[in-house]
Amino acid sequence: MANKAYAESNMAEIITPDFQSTKVDALSIEDIVKLIPHRYPFLLIDRMENLLLGHSAVGIKNVSVNEWYFQGHFPEHPIMPGVLIIEAMAQTAGALVVKTLEEQQKNVGDASNHAGNLVYFMSVEGAKFRKPVVPGDVLNLKVVKDRSRGAVWRFKGEAWVNNVLTSEATFTAMIVDKK
């Protein structure tokens, strides 16, 4: 985030969150797996940084040559599939939403547990893939809430490598109780 282009990307601060935003510096992989149900090989984020609950976060994916999808996409020229970059954005957003809901409930004394809730894609719009993501890249997944209504949340997401925008999309998902 040292580069001005990344720090000042064109993602506007869309909405002031309903919930008084609390900043969380980072979530480890151990924290993330408590929030979302994804597991290897489909857990596509390694950590999260700069969380502003109810509003935005940055997911980090360290792209390794040993990723399962490189066996077929493409063995001689490995490129991370764009749909998996969008999925990684969505996992970042899903963990942010669940963490936000947990903190909101703590503030009102509600003991409900949102950890591990399911997140269902409803739509993906405006997806653009600008530069390939390859082994050795560190993918910074910046997500900003566009809006939310009940269990439905809409985010704008951008993926950055070395301060260069690699892809972007707007996506909507629904948080569903796993029970």
C-alpha atoms as a PDB file:
ATOM      1  CA  MET A   1       0.000   0.000   0.000  1.00  0.00           C
ATOM      2  CA  ALA A   2       3.023   2.246  -0.205  1.00  0.00           C
ATOM      3  CA  ASN A   3       2.239   3.264  -3.762  1.00  0.00           C
ATOM      4  CA  LYS A   4      -0.037   6.257  -4.296  1.00  0.00           C
ATOM      5  CA  ALA A   5      -1.961   4.541  -7.120  1.00  0.00           C
ATOM      6  CA  TYR A   6      -2.962   1.667  -4.832  1.00  0.00           C
ATOM      7  CA  ALA A   7      -3.673   3.816  -1.800  1.00  0.00           C
ATOM      8  CA  GLU A   8      -5.739   6.275  -3.831  1.00  0.00           C
ATOM      9  CA  SER A   9      -7.400   3.870  -6.256  1.00  0.00           C
ATOM     10  CA  ASN A  10     -10.621   4.959  -7.873  1.00  0.00           C
ATOM     11  CA  MET A  11     -12.746   3.127  -5.316  1.00  0.00           C
ATOM     12  CA  ALA A  12     -14.743   5.928  -3.726  1.00  0.00           C
ATOM     13  CA  GLU A  13     -15.915   5.777  -0.140  1.00  0.00           C
ATOM     14  CA  ILE A  14     -19.420   4.793  -1.208  1.00  0.00           C
ATOM     15  CA  ILE A  15     -21.485   4.782   1.984  1.00  0.00           C
ATOM     16  CA  THR A  16     -20.865   5.676   5.590  1.00  0.00           C
ATOM     17  CA  PRO A  17     -21.609   2.444   7.433  1.00  0.00           C
ATOM     18  CA  ASP A  18     -24.719   2.203   9.615  1.00  0.00           C
ATOM     19  CA  PHE A  19     -22.537   0.679  12.308  1.00  0.00           C
ATOM     20  CA  GLN A  20     -19.964   2.973  13.917  1.00  0.00           C
ATOM     21  CA  SER A  21     -16.896   1.616  12.147  1.00  0.00           C
ATOM     22  CA  THR A  22     -14.226  -0.005  14.237  1.00  0.00           C
ATOM     23  CA  LYS A  23     -10.749  -0.482  12.824  1.00  0.00           C
ATOM     24  CA  VAL A  24      -9.159  -3.916  13.086  1.00  0.00           C
ATOM     25  CA  ASP A  25      -5.510  -3.993  12.068  1.00  0.00           C
ATOM     26  CA  ALA A  26      -5.305  -7.607  10.906  1.00  0.00           C
ATOM     27  CA  LEU A  27      -6.838 -11.080  10.918  1.00  0.00           C
ATOM     28  CA  SER A  28      -4.666 -14.184  10.716  1.00  0.00           C
ATOM     29  CA  ILE A  29      -5.554 -17.341   8.821  1.00  0.00           C
ATOM     30  CA  GLU A  30      -6.667 -18.801  12.174  1.00  0.00           C
ATOM     31  CA  ASP A  31      -9.087 -15.884  12.614  1.00  0.00           C
ATOM     32  CA  ILE A  32     -10.374 -16.162   9.047  1.00  0.00           C
ATOM     33  CA  VAL A  33     -11.266 -19.873   9.292  1.00  0.00           C
ATOM     34  CA  LYS A  34     -13.374 -19.061  12.363  1.00  0.00           C
ATOM     35  CA  LEU A  35     -15.378 -16.577  10.287  1.00  0.00           C
ATOM     36  CA  ILE A  36     -15.993 -18.295   6.933  1.00  0.00           C
ATOM     37  CA  PRO A  37     -16.548 -21.982   6.125  1.00  0.00           C
ATOM     38  CA  HIS A  38     -14.008 -22.227   3.285  1.00  0.00           C
ATOM     39  CA  ARG A  39     -11.105 -24.652   3.729  1.00  0.00           C
ATOM     40  CA  TYR A  40      -8.146 -25.849   1.690  1.00  0.00           C
ATOM     41  CA  PRO A  41      -8.000 -26.104  -1.235  1.00  0.00           C
ATOM     42  CA  PHE A  42     -10.698 -23.451  -1.645  1.00  0.00           C
ATOM     43  CA  LEU A  43      -9.703 -20.988   1.082  1.00  0.00           C
ATOM     44  CA  LEU A  44      -8.127 -18.327  -1.118  1.00  0.00           C
ATOM     45  CA  ILE A  45      -6.996 -15.689   1.393  1.00  0.00           C
ATOM     46  CA  ASP A  46      -4.069 -15.982   3.798  1.00  0.00           C
ATOM     47  CA  ARG A  47      -4.686 -12.937   5.986  1.00  0.00           C
ATOM     48  CA  MET A  48      -6.603  -9.677   6.133  1.00  0.00           C
ATOM     49  CA  GLU A  49      -5.438  -6.161   6.926  1.00  0.00           C
ATOM     50  CA  ASN A  50      -6.864  -2.678   7.420  1.00  0.00           C
ATOM     51  CA  LEU A  51     -10.389  -3.778   8.269  1.00  0.00           C
ATOM     52  CA  LEU A  52     -12.881  -1.004   8.804  1.00  0.00           C
ATOM     53  CA  LEU A  53     -15.838  -3.001  10.102  1.00  0.00           C
ATOM     54  CA  GLY A  54     -18.987  -2.481   8.107  1.00  0.00           C
ATOM     55  CA  HIS A  55     -17.066  -0.818   5.313  1.00  0.00           C
ATOM     56  CA  SER A  56     -13.780  -2.142   3.853  1.00  0.00           C
ATOM     57  CA  ALA A  57     -10.833  -4.512   4.147  1.00  0.00           C
ATOM     58  CA  VAL A  58      -7.761  -5.780   2.309  1.00  0.00           C
ATOM     59  CA  GLY A  59      -7.306  -9.531   1.868  1.00  0.00           C
ATOM     60  CA  ILE A  60      -3.860 -10.946   1.159  1.00  0.00           C
ATOM     61  CA  LYS A  61      -3.223 -14.015  -1.013  1.00  0.00           C
ATOM     62  CA  ASN A  62       0.349 -15.256  -1.426  1.00  0.00           C
ATOM     63  CA  VAL A  63       0.241 -16.979  -4.810  1.00  0.00           C
ATOM     64  CA  SER A  64       2.464 -20.080  -4.777  1.00  0.00           C
ATOM     65  CA  VAL A  65       3.564 -22.241  -7.690  1.00  0.00           C
ATOM     66  CA  ASN A  66       2.122 -25.166  -5.692  1.00  0.00           C
ATOM     67  CA  GLU A  67      -1.495 -23.938  -5.981  1.00  0.00           C
ATOM     68  CA  TRP A  68      -3.771 -26.761  -7.182  1.00  0.00           C
ATOM     69  CA  TYR A  69      -5.196 -24.782 -10.100  1.00  0.00           C
ATOM     70  CA  PHE A  70      -1.794 -24.297 -11.763  1.00  0.00           C
ATOM     71  CA  GLN A  71      -1.738 -28.018 -12.642  1.00  0.00           C
ATOM     72  CA  GLY A  72      -4.217 -27.279 -15.419  1.00  0.00           C
ATOM     73  CA  HIS A  73      -4.229 -23.468 -15.813  1.00  0.00           C
ATOM     74  CA  PHE A  74      -1.719 -23.545 -17.498  1.00  0.00           C
ATOM     75  CA  PRO A  75       1.138 -25.980 -16.736  1.00  0.00           C
ATOM     76  CA  GLU A  76       3.632 -24.306 -19.078  1.00  0.00           C
ATOM     77  CA  HIS A  77       2.486 -20.763 -18.253  1.00  0.00           C
ATOM     78  CA  PRO A  78       0.696 -20.721 -14.858  1.00  0.00           C
ATOM     79  CA  ILE A  79      -1.905 -17.977 -14.444  1.00  0.00           C
ATOM     80  CA  MET A  80      -4.351 -17.667 -11.531  1.00  0.00           C
ATOM     81  CA  PRO A  81      -7.874 -18.032 -12.961  1.00  0.00           C
ATOM     82  CA  GLY A  82      -9.825 -14.774 -12.899  1.00  0.00           C
ATOM     83  CA  VAL A  83     -12.867 -16.423 -11.351  1.00  0.00           C
ATOM     84  CA  LEU A  84     -10.702 -17.457  -8.393  1.00  0.00           C
ATOM     85  CA  ILE A  85      -9.481 -13.883  -7.983  1.00  0.00           C
ATOM     86  CA  ILE A  86     -13.121 -12.808  -7.748  1.00  0.00           C
ATOM     87  CA  GLU A  87     -13.755 -15.651  -5.288  1.00  0.00           C
ATOM     88  CA  ALA A  88     -10.829 -14.414  -3.159  1.00  0.00           C
ATOM     89  CA  MET A  89     -12.370 -10.916  -3.175  1.00  0.00           C
ATOM     90  CA  ALA A  90     -15.686 -12.422  -2.094  1.00  0.00           C
ATOM     91  CA  GLN A  91     -14.030 -14.410   0.711  1.00  0.00           C
ATOM     92  CA  THR A  92     -12.411 -11.193   1.936  1.00  0.00           C
ATOM     93  CA  ALA A  93     -15.792  -9.449   1.877  1.00  0.00           C
ATOM     94  CA  GLY A  94     -17.523 -12.417   3.541  1.00  0.00           C
ATOM     95  CA  ALA A  95     -15.054 -12.491   6.425  1.00  0.00           C
ATOM     96  CA  LEU A  96     -15.454  -8.723   6.816  1.00  0.00           C
ATOM     97  CA  VAL A  97     -19.249  -9.017   6.967  1.00  0.00           C
ATOM     98  CA  VAL A  98     -19.222 -11.843   9.521  1.00  0.00           C
ATOM     99  CA  LYS A  99     -16.666 -10.000  11.694  1.00  0.00           C
ATOM    100  CA  THR A 100     -18.819  -6.851  11.445  1.00  0.00           C
ATOM    101  CA  LEU A 101     -21.977  -8.739  12.476  1.00  0.00           C
ATOM    102  CA  GLU A 102     -20.157 -10.319  15.425  1.00  0.00           C
ATOM    103  CA  GLU A 103     -18.913  -6.947  16.659  1.00  0.00           C
ATOM    104  CA  GLN A 104     -22.345  -5.345  16.234  1.00  0.00           C
ATOM    105  CA  GLN A 105     -23.894  -8.084  18.330  1.00  0.00           C
ATOM    106  CA  LYS A 106     -21.258  -7.722  21.045  1.00  0.00           C
ATOM    107  CA  ASN A 107     -22.147  -4.033  21.262  1.00  0.00           C
ATOM    108  CA  VAL A 108     -25.824  -4.805  21.893  1.00  0.00           C
ATOM    109  CA  GLY A 109     -25.220  -7.774  24.183  1.00  0.00           C
ATOM    110  CA  ASP A 110     -26.450 -10.402  21.701  1.00  0.00           C
ATOM    111  CA  ALA A 111     -24.657 -13.752  22.040  1.00  0.00           C
ATOM    112  CA  SER A 112     -25.553 -15.027  18.537  1.00  0.00           C
ATOM    113  CA  ASN A 113     -22.699 -16.564  16.606  1.00  0.00           C
ATOM    114  CA  HIS A 114     -22.299 -15.694  12.918  1.00  0.00           C
ATOM    115  CA  ALA A 115     -18.964 -17.497  12.539  1.00  0.00           C
ATOM    116  CA  GLY A 116     -18.969 -19.992   9.698  1.00  0.00           C
ATOM    117  CA  ASN A 117     -22.158 -18.658   8.104  1.00  0.00           C
ATOM    118  CA  LEU A 118     -22.485 -19.430   4.424  1.00  0.00           C
ATOM    119  CA  VAL A 119     -22.010 -16.758   1.792  1.00  0.00           C
ATOM    120  CA  TYR A 120     -23.848 -17.258  -1.497  1.00  0.00           C
ATOM    121  CA  PHE A 121     -22.947 -15.294  -4.624  1.00  0.00           C
ATOM    122  CA  MET A 122     -25.960 -13.570  -6.141  1.00  0.00           C
ATOM    123  CA  SER A 123     -24.267 -11.629  -8.926  1.00  0.00           C
ATOM    124  CA  VAL A 124     -20.928 -10.537 -10.364  1.00  0.00           C
ATOM    125  CA  GLU A 125     -20.875  -7.444 -12.545  1.00  0.00           C
ATOM    126  CA  GLY A 126     -18.291  -5.436 -14.419  1.00  0.00           C
ATOM    127  CA  ALA A 127     -15.498  -7.985 -14.005  1.00  0.00           C
ATOM    128  CA  LYS A 128     -12.317  -6.879 -15.737  1.00  0.00           C
ATOM    129  CA  PHE A 129      -9.002  -8.715 -15.843  1.00  0.00           C
ATOM    130  CA  ARG A 130      -6.171  -6.361 -16.679  1.00  0.00           C
ATOM    131  CA  LYS A 131      -2.963  -8.269 -15.907  1.00  0.00           C
ATOM    132  CA  PRO A 132      -2.215 -11.949 -15.202  1.00  0.00           C
ATOM    133  CA  VAL A 133      -1.547 -13.067 -11.637  1.00  0.00           C
ATOM    134  CA  VAL A 134       1.302 -15.589 -11.541  1.00  0.00           C
ATOM    135  CA  PRO A 135       3.212 -17.658  -8.981  1.00  0.00           C
ATOM    136  CA  GLY A 136       5.236 -15.490  -6.621  1.00  0.00           C
ATOM    137  CA  ASP A 137       2.748 -12.615  -6.705  1.00  0.00           C
ATOM    138  CA  VAL A 138       1.227 -11.207  -3.537  1.00  0.00           C
ATOM    139  CA  LEU A 139      -2.379 -10.417  -4.333  1.00  0.00           C
ATOM    140  CA  ASN A 140      -3.882  -7.486  -2.388  1.00  0.00           C
ATOM    141  CA  LEU A 141      -7.674  -7.732  -2.497  1.00  0.00           C
ATOM    142  CA  LYS A 142      -9.295  -4.406  -1.671  1.00  0.00           C
ATOM    143  CA  VAL A 143     -13.045  -4.592  -0.994  1.00  0.00           C
ATOM    144  CA  VAL A 144     -15.353  -1.674  -0.168  1.00  0.00           C
ATOM    145  CA  LYS A 145     -19.020  -2.023   0.724  1.00  0.00           C
ATOM    146  CA  ASP A 146     -21.271  -0.393  -1.833  1.00  0.00           C
ATOM    147  CA  ARG A 147     -24.470  -1.092   0.096  1.00  0.00           C
ATOM    148  CA  SER A 148     -26.251  -3.619   2.255  1.00  0.00           C
ATOM    149  CA  ARG A 149     -29.834  -4.458   3.034  1.00  0.00           C
ATOM    150  CA  GLY A 150     -30.523  -7.188   5.543  1.00  0.00           C
ATOM    151  CA  ALA A 151     -28.506 -10.267   4.630  1.00  0.00           C
ATOM    152  CA  VAL A 152     -27.595  -8.969   1.145  1.00  0.00           C
ATOM    153  CA  TRP A 153     -24.291  -7.109   0.749  1.00  0.00           C
ATOM    154  CA  ARG A 154     -22.802  -5.534  -2.380  1.00  0.00           C
ATOM    155  CA  PHE A 155     -19.080  -4.799  -2.691  1.00  0.00           C
ATOM    156  CA  LYS A 156     -16.697  -3.236  -5.155  1.00  0.00           C
ATOM    157  CA  GLY A 157     -13.461  -5.194  -5.307  1.00  0.00           C
ATOM    158  CA  GLU A 158     -10.037  -4.619  -6.781  1.00  0.00           C
ATOM    159  CA  ALA A 159      -7.042  -6.949  -6.949  1.00  0.00           C
ATOM    160  CA  TRP A 160      -3.560  -5.412  -6.926  1.00  0.00           C
ATOM    161  CA  VAL A 161      -0.065  -6.879  -7.387  1.00  0.00           C
ATOM    162  CA  ASN A 162       2.988  -4.670  -6.837  1.00  0.00           C
ATOM    163  CA  ASN A 163       0.768  -1.581  -6.865  1.00  0.00           C
ATOM    164  CA  VAL A 164      -0.688  -2.483 -10.282  1.00  0.00           C
ATOM    165  CA  LEU A 165      -4.421  -3.100 -10.693  1.00  0.00           C
ATOM    166  CA  THR A 166      -4.840  -6.654 -12.032  1.00  0.00           C
ATOM    167  CA  SER A 167      -8.608  -7.095 -11.850  1.00  0.00           C
ATOM    168  CA  GLU A 168     -11.827  -5.617 -10.537  1.00  0.00           C
ATOM    169  CA  ALA A 169     -15.475  -6.525 -10.101  1.00  0.00           C
ATOM    170  CA  THR A 170     -18.660  -5.580  -8.315  1.00  0.00           C
ATOM    171  CA  PHE A 171     -20.363  -8.490  -6.602  1.00  0.00           C
ATOM    172  CA  THR A 172     -23.399  -9.162  -4.463  1.00  0.00           C
ATOM    173  CA  ALA A 173     -23.748 -11.961  -1.944  1.00  0.00           C
ATOM    174  CA  MET A 174     -26.170 -13.148   0.699  1.00  0.00           C
ATOM    175  CA  ILE A 175     -25.132 -14.221   4.186  1.00  0.00           C
ATOM    176  CA  VAL A 176     -27.069 -17.360   5.138  1.00  0.00           C
ATOM    177  CA  ASP A 177     -27.300 -19.012   8.543  1.00  0.00           C
ATOM    178  CA  LYS A 178     -25.587 -22.392   8.238  1.00  0.00           C
ATOM    179  CA  LYS A 179     -28.168 -24.091  10.433  1.00  0.00           C
END
